[in-house]
């Protein structure tokens, strides 16, 4: 086999592997739950067996994305962290970014190299200042956005109110893929609008293990 043929085969393999990869950044205002969401996704992807907690609460280990001692001590993300795991036929690169404005330059750099952003919103607080700033960066760069509304297990606002806020403040017409069941603070599960079925979740202590699902 000639050197040119080997180069062509190598280039083909590299292109095929690159096509399988999807890179997402999680963005939000501080304390909306970026590191907790990242930990939950790693748990459900079976990359880890038990989800850690911010500040290592209740004797549990810290989250895998907050690896610096200062991050563990203060319960904040200072640098971006990349986690990689398989999903179906793809390889997911998930980037947990800092939310605090003091460390936003790191987040801006990350947003130059992602396929899409997951915009995380606190169900009680809605769109917050840093979330809005990061959204504008994504909009300017043409980055697709997946919106996730977090913390339905705590008292908060109605889902329709939050959808209205997203539309009125940043002009996004959202199309829900799942819909929360139960009032805010008494979360029961979600309706999967694509399949038309209800998925009930049973809470686990501190979210340390994957919640059992009942379809």
N, C-alpha and C. Protein backbone atom coordinates (compact mmCIF):
# COMPACT_ATOMS: atom_id res chain seq x y z
N UNK A 1 0.85 -1.20 0.00
CA UNK A 1 0.00 0.00 0.00
C UNK A 1 0.89 1.25 0.00
N UNK A 2 0.54 2.19 -0.82
CA UNK A 2 1.36 3.39 -0.94
C UNK A 2 1.12 4.32 0.24
N UNK A 3 2.07 5.25 0.40
CA UNK A 3 1.95 6.23 1.48
C UNK A 3 0.71 7.10 1.30
N UNK A 4 0.41 7.44 0.04
CA UNK A 4 -0.77 8.27 -0.23
C UNK A 4 -2.05 7.55 0.16
N UNK A 5 -2.09 6.24 -0.10
CA UNK A 5 -3.28 5.46 0.25
C UNK A 5 -3.46 5.40 1.75
N UNK A 6 -2.34 5.24 2.49
CA UNK A 6 -2.41 5.23 3.95
C UNK A 6 -2.89 6.57 4.47
N UNK A 7 -2.38 7.65 3.90
CA UNK A 7 -2.80 8.99 4.33
C UNK A 7 -4.29 9.18 4.09
N UNK A 8 -4.79 8.67 2.96
CA UNK A 8 -6.22 8.81 2.64
C UNK A 8 -7.07 8.03 3.63
N UNK A 9 -6.63 6.80 3.97
CA UNK A 9 -7.38 5.99 4.93
C UNK A 9 -7.37 6.63 6.30
N UNK A 10 -6.21 7.15 6.70
CA UNK A 10 -6.11 7.82 8.01
C UNK A 10 -7.01 9.04 8.06
N UNK A 11 -6.98 9.82 6.99
CA UNK A 11 -7.83 11.02 6.93
C UNK A 11 -9.30 10.64 6.99
N UNK A 12 -9.66 9.53 6.35
CA UNK A 12 -11.04 9.07 6.37
C UNK A 12 -11.49 8.67 7.76
N UNK A 13 -10.60 7.98 8.49
CA UNK A 13 -10.93 7.57 9.87
C UNK A 13 -11.07 8.78 10.77
N UNK A 14 -10.17 9.74 10.61
CA UNK A 14 -10.23 10.96 11.42
C UNK A 14 -11.54 11.70 11.15
N UNK A 15 -11.92 11.81 9.88
CA UNK A 15 -13.16 12.50 9.52
C UNK A 15 -14.37 11.78 10.09
N UNK A 16 -14.35 10.44 10.05
CA UNK A 16 -15.48 9.66 10.57
C UNK A 16 -15.60 9.83 12.08
N UNK A 17 -14.46 9.83 12.79
CA UNK A 17 -14.49 10.02 14.24
C UNK A 17 -14.94 11.43 14.60
N UNK A 18 -14.48 12.41 13.83
CA UNK A 18 -14.87 13.80 14.10
C UNK A 18 -16.38 13.98 13.91
N UNK A 19 -16.95 13.28 12.93
CA UNK A 19 -18.38 13.40 12.64
C UNK A 19 -19.23 12.83 13.77
N UNK A 20 -18.66 11.93 14.58
CA UNK A 20 -19.40 11.32 15.68
C UNK A 20 -19.45 12.22 16.91
N UNK A 21 -18.61 13.22 16.96
CA UNK A 21 -18.47 14.02 18.17
C UNK A 21 -19.43 15.21 18.19
N UNK A 22 -20.00 15.43 19.38
CA UNK A 22 -20.88 16.57 19.60
C UNK A 22 -20.40 17.29 20.86
N UNK A 23 -20.14 18.58 20.75
CA UNK A 23 -19.59 19.34 21.87
C UNK A 23 -20.61 20.37 22.34
N UNK A 24 -20.98 20.26 23.62
CA UNK A 24 -21.97 21.15 24.23
C UNK A 24 -21.35 21.90 25.40
N UNK A 25 -21.70 23.17 25.55
CA UNK A 25 -21.32 23.93 26.74
C UNK A 25 -22.57 24.21 27.55
N UNK A 26 -22.47 24.05 28.87
CA UNK A 26 -23.58 24.40 29.76
C UNK A 26 -23.34 25.81 30.27
N UNK A 27 -24.30 26.71 30.02
CA UNK A 27 -24.13 28.12 30.41
C UNK A 27 -25.29 28.55 31.30
N UNK A 28 -24.99 29.46 32.24
CA UNK A 28 -26.06 30.00 33.09
C UNK A 28 -25.48 31.03 34.06
N UNK A 29 -26.37 31.68 34.77
CA UNK A 29 -26.01 32.53 35.90
C UNK A 29 -25.48 31.63 37.02
N UNK A 30 -24.64 32.15 37.93
CA UNK A 30 -24.17 31.33 39.06
C UNK A 30 -25.32 30.73 39.85
N UNK A 31 -25.11 29.51 40.31
CA UNK A 31 -26.04 28.80 41.20
C UNK A 31 -27.31 28.31 40.52
N UNK A 32 -27.35 28.33 39.20
CA UNK A 32 -28.52 27.77 38.52
C UNK A 32 -28.46 26.25 38.47
N UNK A 33 -27.24 25.69 38.68
CA UNK A 33 -27.12 24.23 38.75
C UNK A 33 -26.31 23.60 37.63
N UNK A 34 -25.36 24.34 37.04
CA UNK A 34 -24.57 23.80 35.93
C UNK A 34 -23.79 22.56 36.33
N UNK A 35 -23.04 22.65 37.42
CA UNK A 35 -22.21 21.51 37.83
C UNK A 35 -23.07 20.33 38.26
N UNK A 36 -24.21 20.61 38.88
CA UNK A 36 -25.13 19.54 39.29
C UNK A 36 -25.72 18.85 38.07
N UNK A 37 -26.09 19.63 37.04
CA UNK A 37 -26.60 19.04 35.80
C UNK A 37 -25.53 18.21 35.12
N UNK A 38 -24.31 18.73 35.05
CA UNK A 38 -23.21 17.99 34.44
C UNK A 38 -23.00 16.67 35.16
N UNK A 39 -23.07 16.72 36.49
CA UNK A 39 -22.90 15.51 37.30
C UNK A 39 -24.02 14.51 37.01
N UNK A 40 -25.25 15.00 36.89
CA UNK A 40 -26.40 14.12 36.62
C UNK A 40 -26.28 13.46 35.25
N UNK A 41 -25.83 14.22 34.25
CA UNK A 41 -25.65 13.65 32.92
C UNK A 41 -24.57 12.58 32.93
N UNK A 42 -23.48 12.83 33.65
CA UNK A 42 -22.43 11.82 33.77
C UNK A 42 -22.94 10.58 34.49
N UNK A 43 -23.81 10.78 35.48
CA UNK A 43 -24.39 9.65 36.21
C UNK A 43 -25.27 8.81 35.30
N UNK A 44 -26.15 9.46 34.54
CA UNK A 44 -27.06 8.72 33.66
C UNK A 44 -26.34 8.10 32.46
N UNK A 45 -25.19 8.67 32.10
CA UNK A 45 -24.37 8.07 31.04
C UNK A 45 -23.50 6.94 31.58
N UNK A 46 -23.59 6.71 32.90
CA UNK A 46 -22.84 5.65 33.59
C UNK A 46 -21.33 5.87 33.54
N UNK A 47 -20.95 7.14 33.48
CA UNK A 47 -19.53 7.48 33.59
C UNK A 47 -19.11 7.42 35.05
N UNK A 48 -20.03 7.76 35.95
CA UNK A 48 -19.79 7.68 37.39
C UNK A 48 -20.91 6.84 38.01
N UNK A 49 -20.65 6.29 39.20
CA UNK A 49 -21.64 5.45 39.88
C UNK A 49 -22.49 6.23 40.87
N UNK A 50 -21.94 7.35 41.35
CA UNK A 50 -22.67 8.17 42.33
C UNK A 50 -22.35 9.63 42.07
N UNK A 51 -23.40 10.44 42.04
CA UNK A 51 -23.22 11.87 41.79
C UNK A 51 -22.68 12.56 43.03
N UNK A 52 -21.69 13.42 42.84
CA UNK A 52 -21.16 14.21 43.94
C UNK A 52 -22.06 15.40 44.21
N UNK A 53 -21.67 16.21 45.18
CA UNK A 53 -22.47 17.37 45.57
C UNK A 53 -21.58 18.59 45.70
N UNK A 54 -22.17 19.76 45.45
CA UNK A 54 -21.46 21.02 45.66
C UNK A 54 -21.10 21.13 47.14
N UNK A 55 -19.88 21.52 47.44
CA UNK A 55 -19.35 21.58 48.82
C UNK A 55 -19.20 20.20 49.45
N UNK A 56 -19.43 19.11 48.70
CA UNK A 56 -19.36 17.78 49.29
C UNK A 56 -20.34 17.60 50.43
N UNK A 57 -21.59 18.00 50.21
CA UNK A 57 -22.60 17.99 51.26
C UNK A 57 -22.86 16.58 51.79
N UNK A 58 -23.26 16.54 53.05
CA UNK A 58 -23.71 15.30 53.70
C UNK A 58 -22.70 14.17 53.55
N UNK A 59 -21.42 14.51 53.61
CA UNK A 59 -20.39 13.49 53.56
C UNK A 59 -20.12 12.93 52.18
N UNK A 60 -20.80 13.48 51.15
CA UNK A 60 -20.59 12.99 49.79
C UNK A 60 -19.38 13.68 49.16
N UNK A 61 -18.83 13.02 48.15
CA UNK A 61 -17.69 13.59 47.43
C UNK A 61 -18.13 14.81 46.62
N UNK A 62 -17.16 15.59 46.18
CA UNK A 62 -17.45 16.75 45.35
C UNK A 62 -17.79 16.31 43.92
N UNK A 63 -18.32 17.23 43.14
CA UNK A 63 -18.63 16.92 41.75
C UNK A 63 -17.35 16.71 40.96
N UNK A 64 -17.43 15.87 39.92
CA UNK A 64 -16.23 15.57 39.13
C UNK A 64 -15.75 16.79 38.35
N UNK A 65 -16.66 17.70 38.01
CA UNK A 65 -16.26 18.86 37.21
C UNK A 65 -15.59 19.96 38.04
N UNK A 66 -15.86 19.98 39.34
CA UNK A 66 -15.19 20.94 40.22
C UNK A 66 -14.02 20.24 40.89
N UNK A 67 -12.87 20.23 40.21
CA UNK A 67 -11.73 19.44 40.67
C UNK A 67 -10.71 20.26 41.45
N UNK A 68 -10.71 21.59 41.29
CA UNK A 68 -9.75 22.42 42.02
C UNK A 68 -10.16 22.54 43.48
N UNK A 69 -9.18 22.61 44.38
CA UNK A 69 -9.49 22.72 45.81
C UNK A 69 -10.32 23.97 46.11
N UNK A 70 -10.02 25.08 45.42
CA UNK A 70 -10.78 26.30 45.64
C UNK A 70 -12.24 26.13 45.19
N UNK A 71 -12.44 25.39 44.09
CA UNK A 71 -13.80 25.14 43.61
C UNK A 71 -14.57 24.30 44.62
N UNK A 72 -13.90 23.30 45.17
CA UNK A 72 -14.55 22.44 46.17
C UNK A 72 -14.90 23.23 47.42
N UNK A 73 -13.98 24.11 47.84
CA UNK A 73 -14.18 24.86 49.08
C UNK A 73 -15.27 25.91 48.94
N UNK A 74 -15.30 26.58 47.78
CA UNK A 74 -16.24 27.70 47.59
C UNK A 74 -17.54 27.29 46.92
N UNK A 75 -17.57 26.08 46.35
CA UNK A 75 -18.79 25.62 45.70
C UNK A 75 -19.10 26.34 44.41
N UNK A 76 -18.06 26.80 43.69
CA UNK A 76 -18.26 27.48 42.41
C UNK A 76 -17.30 26.91 41.38
N UNK A 77 -17.63 27.10 40.10
CA UNK A 77 -16.74 26.70 39.02
C UNK A 77 -15.86 27.89 38.63
N UNK A 78 -14.55 27.67 38.64
CA UNK A 78 -13.60 28.73 38.31
C UNK A 78 -13.05 28.55 36.90
N UNK A 79 -12.87 27.31 36.48
CA UNK A 79 -12.42 27.01 35.12
C UNK A 79 -13.42 26.08 34.45
N UNK A 80 -13.39 26.04 33.14
CA UNK A 80 -14.25 25.11 32.41
C UNK A 80 -13.68 23.71 32.52
N UNK A 81 -14.57 22.74 32.57
CA UNK A 81 -14.18 21.34 32.67
C UNK A 81 -14.86 20.54 31.57
N UNK A 82 -14.12 19.65 30.92
CA UNK A 82 -14.68 18.83 29.84
C UNK A 82 -14.87 17.39 30.32
N UNK A 83 -16.06 16.86 30.09
CA UNK A 83 -16.35 15.45 30.34
C UNK A 83 -16.71 14.80 29.01
N UNK A 84 -16.23 13.59 28.77
CA UNK A 84 -16.53 12.89 27.53
C UNK A 84 -17.16 11.55 27.83
N UNK A 85 -18.26 11.24 27.12
CA UNK A 85 -18.91 9.95 27.31
C UNK A 85 -19.68 9.58 26.05
N UNK A 86 -19.90 8.26 25.82
CA UNK A 86 -20.63 7.84 24.62
C UNK A 86 -22.13 7.99 24.81
N UNK A 87 -22.83 8.28 23.72
CA UNK A 87 -24.29 8.30 23.71
C UNK A 87 -24.75 7.81 22.35
N UNK A 88 -25.41 6.64 22.34
CA UNK A 88 -25.80 6.00 21.08
C UNK A 88 -24.58 5.88 20.18
N UNK A 89 -24.64 6.45 18.98
CA UNK A 89 -23.51 6.33 18.06
C UNK A 89 -22.56 7.53 18.13
N UNK A 90 -22.80 8.40 19.10
CA UNK A 90 -22.00 9.63 19.19
C UNK A 90 -21.08 9.62 20.41
N UNK A 91 -20.13 10.53 20.38
CA UNK A 91 -19.29 10.80 21.54
C UNK A 91 -19.60 12.23 21.98
N UNK A 92 -20.04 12.38 23.22
CA UNK A 92 -20.44 13.68 23.73
C UNK A 92 -19.29 14.32 24.50
N UNK A 93 -18.95 15.55 24.14
CA UNK A 93 -18.03 16.36 24.93
C UNK A 93 -18.87 17.41 25.64
N UNK A 94 -18.96 17.31 26.95
CA UNK A 94 -19.79 18.22 27.74
C UNK A 94 -18.90 19.16 28.53
N UNK A 95 -19.08 20.46 28.34
CA UNK A 95 -18.22 21.46 28.97
C UNK A 95 -19.00 22.22 30.03
N UNK A 96 -18.59 22.05 31.28
CA UNK A 96 -19.18 22.79 32.40
C UNK A 96 -18.40 24.10 32.53
N UNK A 97 -19.07 25.23 32.35
CA UNK A 97 -18.39 26.53 32.31
C UNK A 97 -18.61 27.32 33.59
N UNK A 98 -17.71 28.25 33.92
CA UNK A 98 -17.94 29.13 35.07
C UNK A 98 -19.13 30.05 34.83
N UNK A 99 -19.89 30.33 35.89
CA UNK A 99 -21.02 31.24 35.77
C UNK A 99 -20.69 32.64 36.26
N UNK A 100 -19.77 32.74 37.21
CA UNK A 100 -19.45 34.04 37.79
C UNK A 100 -18.77 34.95 36.77
N UNK A 101 -19.17 36.22 36.75
CA UNK A 101 -18.63 37.18 35.79
C UNK A 101 -17.11 37.31 35.90
N UNK A 102 -16.55 37.09 37.09
CA UNK A 102 -15.10 37.20 37.28
C UNK A 102 -14.33 36.21 36.41
N UNK A 103 -14.98 35.10 36.05
CA UNK A 103 -14.30 34.05 35.29
C UNK A 103 -14.92 33.88 33.90
N UNK A 104 -15.64 34.90 33.42
CA UNK A 104 -16.40 34.77 32.19
C UNK A 104 -15.53 34.64 30.94
N UNK A 105 -14.29 35.14 30.99
CA UNK A 105 -13.42 35.04 29.81
C UNK A 105 -13.20 33.58 29.43
N UNK A 106 -13.13 32.71 30.43
CA UNK A 106 -12.96 31.28 30.16
C UNK A 106 -14.19 30.75 29.42
N UNK A 107 -15.37 31.19 29.85
CA UNK A 107 -16.61 30.76 29.19
C UNK A 107 -16.67 31.26 27.76
N UNK A 108 -16.27 32.51 27.53
CA UNK A 108 -16.29 33.07 26.17
C UNK A 108 -15.38 32.27 25.24
N UNK A 109 -14.23 31.86 25.74
CA UNK A 109 -13.31 31.07 24.91
C UNK A 109 -13.94 29.72 24.56
N UNK A 110 -14.58 29.10 25.53
CA UNK A 110 -15.23 27.81 25.29
C UNK A 110 -16.28 27.93 24.19
N UNK A 111 -17.01 29.03 24.18
CA UNK A 111 -18.11 29.19 23.22
C UNK A 111 -17.64 29.39 21.78
N UNK A 112 -16.33 29.49 21.58
CA UNK A 112 -15.82 29.56 20.21
C UNK A 112 -15.65 28.17 19.61
N UNK A 113 -15.82 27.12 20.41
CA UNK A 113 -15.49 25.77 19.94
C UNK A 113 -16.57 24.73 20.25
N UNK A 114 -17.83 25.16 20.32
CA UNK A 114 -18.90 24.21 20.64
C UNK A 114 -19.90 24.12 19.49
N UNK A 115 -20.61 22.98 19.46
CA UNK A 115 -21.67 22.79 18.47
C UNK A 115 -22.97 23.42 18.92
N UNK A 116 -23.20 23.44 20.24
CA UNK A 116 -24.44 23.98 20.79
C UNK A 116 -24.22 24.32 22.25
N UNK A 117 -25.14 25.10 22.80
CA UNK A 117 -25.08 25.46 24.22
C UNK A 117 -26.36 25.00 24.91
N UNK A 118 -26.20 24.53 26.15
CA UNK A 118 -27.34 24.21 27.00
C UNK A 118 -27.51 25.39 27.95
N UNK A 119 -28.57 26.16 27.77
CA UNK A 119 -28.83 27.33 28.62
C UNK A 119 -29.71 26.89 29.79
N UNK A 120 -29.12 26.92 30.98
CA UNK A 120 -29.79 26.42 32.18
C UNK A 120 -30.45 27.58 32.92
N UNK A 121 -31.73 27.39 33.26
CA UNK A 121 -32.51 28.43 33.93
C UNK A 121 -33.08 27.90 35.23
N UNK A 122 -32.94 28.68 36.30
CA UNK A 122 -33.52 28.35 37.60
C UNK A 122 -35.03 28.60 37.52
N UNK A 123 -35.84 27.59 37.86
CA UNK A 123 -37.29 27.71 37.74
C UNK A 123 -37.87 28.80 38.63
N UNK A 124 -37.18 29.15 39.70
CA UNK A 124 -37.69 30.19 40.61
C UNK A 124 -37.26 31.59 40.16
N UNK A 125 -36.11 31.70 39.47
CA UNK A 125 -35.54 33.01 39.17
C UNK A 125 -35.67 33.42 37.71
N UNK A 126 -35.87 32.48 36.83
CA UNK A 126 -35.99 32.81 35.42
C UNK A 126 -34.68 33.28 34.82
N UNK A 127 -34.75 34.13 33.81
CA UNK A 127 -33.55 34.63 33.14
C UNK A 127 -32.81 35.62 34.03
N UNK A 128 -31.55 35.32 34.31
CA UNK A 128 -30.73 36.16 35.19
C UNK A 128 -29.64 36.86 34.37
N UNK A 129 -29.02 37.91 34.94
CA UNK A 129 -28.11 38.76 34.16
C UNK A 129 -27.00 38.03 33.40
N UNK A 130 -26.29 37.12 34.07
CA UNK A 130 -25.18 36.46 33.38
C UNK A 130 -25.69 35.51 32.29
N UNK A 131 -26.84 34.90 32.52
CA UNK A 131 -27.44 34.05 31.49
C UNK A 131 -27.74 34.87 30.25
N UNK A 132 -28.28 36.07 30.45
CA UNK A 132 -28.60 36.94 29.32
C UNK A 132 -27.35 37.34 28.55
N UNK A 133 -26.27 37.64 29.26
CA UNK A 133 -25.01 38.02 28.59
C UNK A 133 -24.48 36.86 27.74
N UNK A 134 -24.51 35.66 28.31
CA UNK A 134 -23.99 34.50 27.59
C UNK A 134 -24.90 34.13 26.41
N UNK A 135 -26.20 34.34 26.58
CA UNK A 135 -27.11 34.12 25.45
C UNK A 135 -26.76 35.03 24.28
N UNK A 136 -26.46 36.29 24.57
CA UNK A 136 -26.12 37.23 23.51
C UNK A 136 -24.85 36.81 22.77
N UNK A 137 -23.89 36.24 23.51
CA UNK A 137 -22.67 35.73 22.87
C UNK A 137 -23.02 34.59 21.92
N UNK A 138 -23.87 33.67 22.38
CA UNK A 138 -24.30 32.54 21.53
C UNK A 138 -25.05 33.04 20.30
N UNK A 139 -25.92 34.01 20.50
CA UNK A 139 -26.70 34.55 19.39
C UNK A 139 -25.78 35.20 18.35
N UNK A 140 -24.80 35.96 18.83
CA UNK A 140 -23.86 36.64 17.93
C UNK A 140 -23.05 35.64 17.11
N UNK A 141 -22.74 34.48 17.72
CA UNK A 141 -21.91 33.48 17.04
C UNK A 141 -22.74 32.42 16.34
N UNK A 142 -24.06 32.53 16.39
CA UNK A 142 -24.92 31.57 15.71
C UNK A 142 -24.91 30.19 16.33
N UNK A 143 -24.72 30.12 17.64
CA UNK A 143 -24.67 28.83 18.34
C UNK A 143 -26.09 28.38 18.70
N UNK A 144 -26.52 27.20 18.26
CA UNK A 144 -27.85 26.70 18.64
C UNK A 144 -27.96 26.55 20.16
N UNK A 145 -29.15 26.76 20.69
CA UNK A 145 -29.36 26.72 22.14
C UNK A 145 -30.45 25.73 22.51
N UNK A 146 -30.15 24.89 23.48
CA UNK A 146 -31.14 24.01 24.11
C UNK A 146 -31.40 24.59 25.50
N UNK A 147 -32.63 24.92 25.80
CA UNK A 147 -32.96 25.50 27.10
C UNK A 147 -33.43 24.41 28.06
N UNK A 148 -32.84 24.38 29.24
CA UNK A 148 -33.26 23.44 30.29
C UNK A 148 -33.65 24.26 31.51
N UNK A 149 -34.87 24.05 31.99
CA UNK A 149 -35.32 24.74 33.21
C UNK A 149 -35.13 23.77 34.37
N UNK A 150 -34.38 24.22 35.35
CA UNK A 150 -33.91 23.37 36.45
C UNK A 150 -34.67 23.66 37.74
N UNK A 151 -34.51 22.76 38.70
CA UNK A 151 -35.00 22.93 40.08
C UNK A 151 -36.53 22.91 40.19
N UNK A 152 -37.16 22.02 39.44
CA UNK A 152 -38.62 21.86 39.56
C UNK A 152 -39.01 21.25 40.90
N UNK A 153 -38.05 20.69 41.60
CA UNK A 153 -38.36 20.07 42.90
C UNK A 153 -38.41 21.11 44.01
N UNK A 154 -38.26 22.39 43.67
CA UNK A 154 -38.32 23.47 44.66
C UNK A 154 -39.43 24.45 44.29
N UNK A 155 -39.92 25.23 45.25
CA UNK A 155 -40.93 26.23 44.92
C UNK A 155 -40.42 27.19 43.85
N UNK A 156 -41.25 27.47 42.85
CA UNK A 156 -40.82 28.34 41.77
C UNK A 156 -41.98 28.83 40.94
N UNK A 157 -41.69 29.27 39.74
CA UNK A 157 -42.69 29.86 38.85
C UNK A 157 -43.31 28.80 37.94
N UNK A 158 -44.44 29.14 37.34
CA UNK A 158 -45.12 28.22 36.44
C UNK A 158 -44.35 28.12 35.12
N UNK A 159 -44.40 26.94 34.52
CA UNK A 159 -43.67 26.72 33.28
C UNK A 159 -44.11 27.67 32.17
N UNK A 160 -45.40 27.95 32.07
CA UNK A 160 -45.89 28.86 31.03
C UNK A 160 -45.36 30.28 31.24
N UNK A 161 -45.26 30.70 32.50
CA UNK A 161 -44.72 32.02 32.81
C UNK A 161 -43.26 32.13 32.37
N UNK A 162 -42.50 31.06 32.60
CA UNK A 162 -41.09 31.05 32.21
C UNK A 162 -40.95 31.06 30.69
N UNK A 163 -41.80 30.32 30.01
CA UNK A 163 -41.77 30.33 28.54
C UNK A 163 -42.07 31.73 27.99
N UNK A 164 -43.05 32.39 28.61
CA UNK A 164 -43.38 33.76 28.19
C UNK A 164 -42.20 34.69 28.39
N UNK A 165 -41.50 34.53 29.52
CA UNK A 165 -40.34 35.40 29.80
C UNK A 165 -39.25 35.19 28.76
N UNK A 166 -38.99 33.94 28.41
CA UNK A 166 -37.96 33.64 27.40
C UNK A 166 -38.32 34.30 26.07
N UNK A 167 -39.58 34.22 25.70
CA UNK A 167 -40.01 34.81 24.43
C UNK A 167 -39.94 36.34 24.47
N UNK A 168 -40.42 36.92 25.56
CA UNK A 168 -40.50 38.38 25.65
C UNK A 168 -39.13 39.04 25.81
N UNK A 169 -38.23 38.41 26.55
CA UNK A 169 -36.96 39.06 26.86
C UNK A 169 -35.86 38.78 25.84
N UNK A 170 -35.85 37.59 25.25
CA UNK A 170 -34.77 37.29 24.30
C UNK A 170 -35.28 36.84 22.94
N UNK A 171 -36.59 36.81 22.77
CA UNK A 171 -37.15 36.56 21.44
C UNK A 171 -37.13 35.13 20.96
N UNK A 172 -36.91 34.17 21.86
CA UNK A 172 -36.92 32.76 21.47
C UNK A 172 -38.33 32.19 21.59
N UNK A 173 -38.80 31.57 20.53
CA UNK A 173 -40.06 30.83 20.60
C UNK A 173 -39.73 29.39 20.95
N UNK A 174 -39.93 29.04 22.19
CA UNK A 174 -39.53 27.72 22.67
C UNK A 174 -40.52 26.65 22.23
N UNK A 175 -40.00 25.45 22.01
CA UNK A 175 -40.82 24.28 21.69
C UNK A 175 -40.50 23.21 22.72
N UNK A 176 -41.33 23.05 23.74
CA UNK A 176 -41.01 22.08 24.81
C UNK A 176 -40.97 20.65 24.28
N UNK A 177 -39.94 19.92 24.67
CA UNK A 177 -39.85 18.50 24.37
C UNK A 177 -40.40 17.67 25.51
N UNK A 178 -40.22 18.17 26.73
CA UNK A 178 -40.82 17.53 27.91
C UNK A 178 -41.53 18.61 28.71
N UNK A 179 -42.49 18.18 29.53
CA UNK A 179 -43.28 19.13 30.32
C UNK A 179 -43.37 18.64 31.76
N UNK A 180 -43.05 19.49 32.75
CA UNK A 180 -43.05 19.04 34.14
C UNK A 180 -44.47 18.72 34.64
N UNK A 181 -44.57 17.67 35.42
CA UNK A 181 -45.85 17.27 36.01
C UNK A 181 -45.76 17.48 37.52
N UNK A 182 -46.77 18.12 38.08
CA UNK A 182 -46.75 18.47 39.50
C UNK A 182 -46.44 19.95 39.66
N UNK A 183 -46.86 20.53 40.76
CA UNK A 183 -46.58 21.94 40.99
C UNK A 183 -45.11 22.11 41.39
N UNK A 184 -44.60 23.32 41.17
CA UNK A 184 -43.21 23.59 41.54
C UNK A 184 -43.02 23.35 43.03
N UNK A 185 -42.03 22.55 43.37
CA UNK A 185 -41.81 22.17 44.75
C UNK A 185 -42.34 20.78 45.05
N UNK A 186 -43.17 20.25 44.15
CA UNK A 186 -43.71 18.90 44.31
C UNK A 186 -43.65 18.21 42.95
N UNK A 187 -42.44 18.07 42.44
CA UNK A 187 -42.20 17.53 41.11
C UNK A 187 -42.47 16.03 41.09
N UNK A 188 -43.25 15.58 40.10
CA UNK A 188 -43.61 14.16 40.00
C UNK A 188 -42.93 13.46 38.84
N UNK A 189 -42.74 14.19 37.74
CA UNK A 189 -42.16 13.57 36.55
C UNK A 189 -42.34 14.49 35.37
N UNK A 190 -42.25 13.93 34.16
CA UNK A 190 -42.40 14.74 32.95
C UNK A 190 -43.28 14.03 31.93
N UNK A 191 -43.92 14.83 31.10
CA UNK A 191 -44.60 14.32 29.91
C UNK A 191 -43.62 14.43 28.74
N UNK A 192 -43.40 13.32 28.07
CA UNK A 192 -42.58 13.32 26.86
C UNK A 192 -43.51 13.63 25.69
N UNK A 193 -43.42 14.84 25.15
CA UNK A 193 -44.36 15.28 24.12
C UNK A 193 -44.14 14.57 22.79
N UNK A 194 -42.95 14.08 22.54
CA UNK A 194 -42.70 13.37 21.28
C UNK A 194 -43.37 12.01 21.28
N UNK A 195 -43.29 11.31 22.42
CA UNK A 195 -43.86 9.96 22.50
C UNK A 195 -45.26 9.96 23.10
N UNK A 196 -45.65 11.08 23.73
CA UNK A 196 -46.98 11.17 24.31
C UNK A 196 -47.16 10.35 25.56
N UNK A 197 -46.08 10.08 26.30
CA UNK A 197 -46.23 9.29 27.52
C UNK A 197 -45.69 10.04 28.74
N UNK A 198 -46.12 9.58 29.89
CA UNK A 198 -45.75 10.19 31.18
C UNK A 198 -44.65 9.36 31.82
N UNK A 199 -43.59 10.03 32.27
CA UNK A 199 -42.49 9.35 32.96
C UNK A 199 -42.46 9.85 34.40
N UNK A 200 -42.71 8.96 35.32
CA UNK A 200 -42.71 9.31 36.74
C UNK A 200 -41.34 9.02 37.33
N UNK A 201 -40.83 9.95 38.13
CA UNK A 201 -39.53 9.77 38.77
C UNK A 201 -39.71 9.61 40.28
N UNK A 202 -38.96 8.70 40.84
CA UNK A 202 -38.93 8.53 42.29
C UNK A 202 -37.63 9.15 42.80
N UNK A 203 -37.74 10.11 43.69
CA UNK A 203 -36.56 10.83 44.17
C UNK A 203 -35.62 9.91 44.93
N UNK A 204 -34.33 10.17 44.77
CA UNK A 204 -33.32 9.47 45.54
C UNK A 204 -32.65 10.47 46.47
N UNK A 205 -32.03 9.99 47.52
CA UNK A 205 -31.44 10.87 48.53
C UNK A 205 -30.38 11.78 47.91
N UNK A 206 -30.68 13.08 47.89
CA UNK A 206 -29.73 14.06 47.39
C UNK A 206 -29.39 13.93 45.92
N UNK A 207 -30.14 13.08 45.19
CA UNK A 207 -29.83 12.88 43.77
C UNK A 207 -28.52 12.17 43.54
N UNK A 208 -28.06 11.41 44.54
CA UNK A 208 -26.76 10.75 44.43
C UNK A 208 -26.77 9.60 43.44
N UNK A 209 -27.94 8.99 43.25
CA UNK A 209 -28.07 7.89 42.30
C UNK A 209 -29.18 8.22 41.31
N UNK A 210 -29.19 7.51 40.19
CA UNK A 210 -30.19 7.78 39.16
C UNK A 210 -31.59 7.49 39.69
N UNK A 211 -32.52 8.41 39.43
CA UNK A 211 -33.90 8.25 39.90
C UNK A 211 -34.59 7.16 39.09
N UNK A 212 -35.25 6.20 39.76
CA UNK A 212 -36.00 5.17 39.03
C UNK A 212 -37.11 5.81 38.20
N UNK A 213 -37.33 5.28 37.00
CA UNK A 213 -38.36 5.80 36.11
C UNK A 213 -39.51 4.80 36.00
N UNK A 214 -40.73 5.32 35.98
CA UNK A 214 -41.91 4.51 35.74
C UNK A 214 -42.63 5.08 34.53
N UNK A 215 -42.78 4.27 33.48
CA UNK A 215 -43.42 4.73 32.24
C UNK A 215 -44.90 4.34 32.25
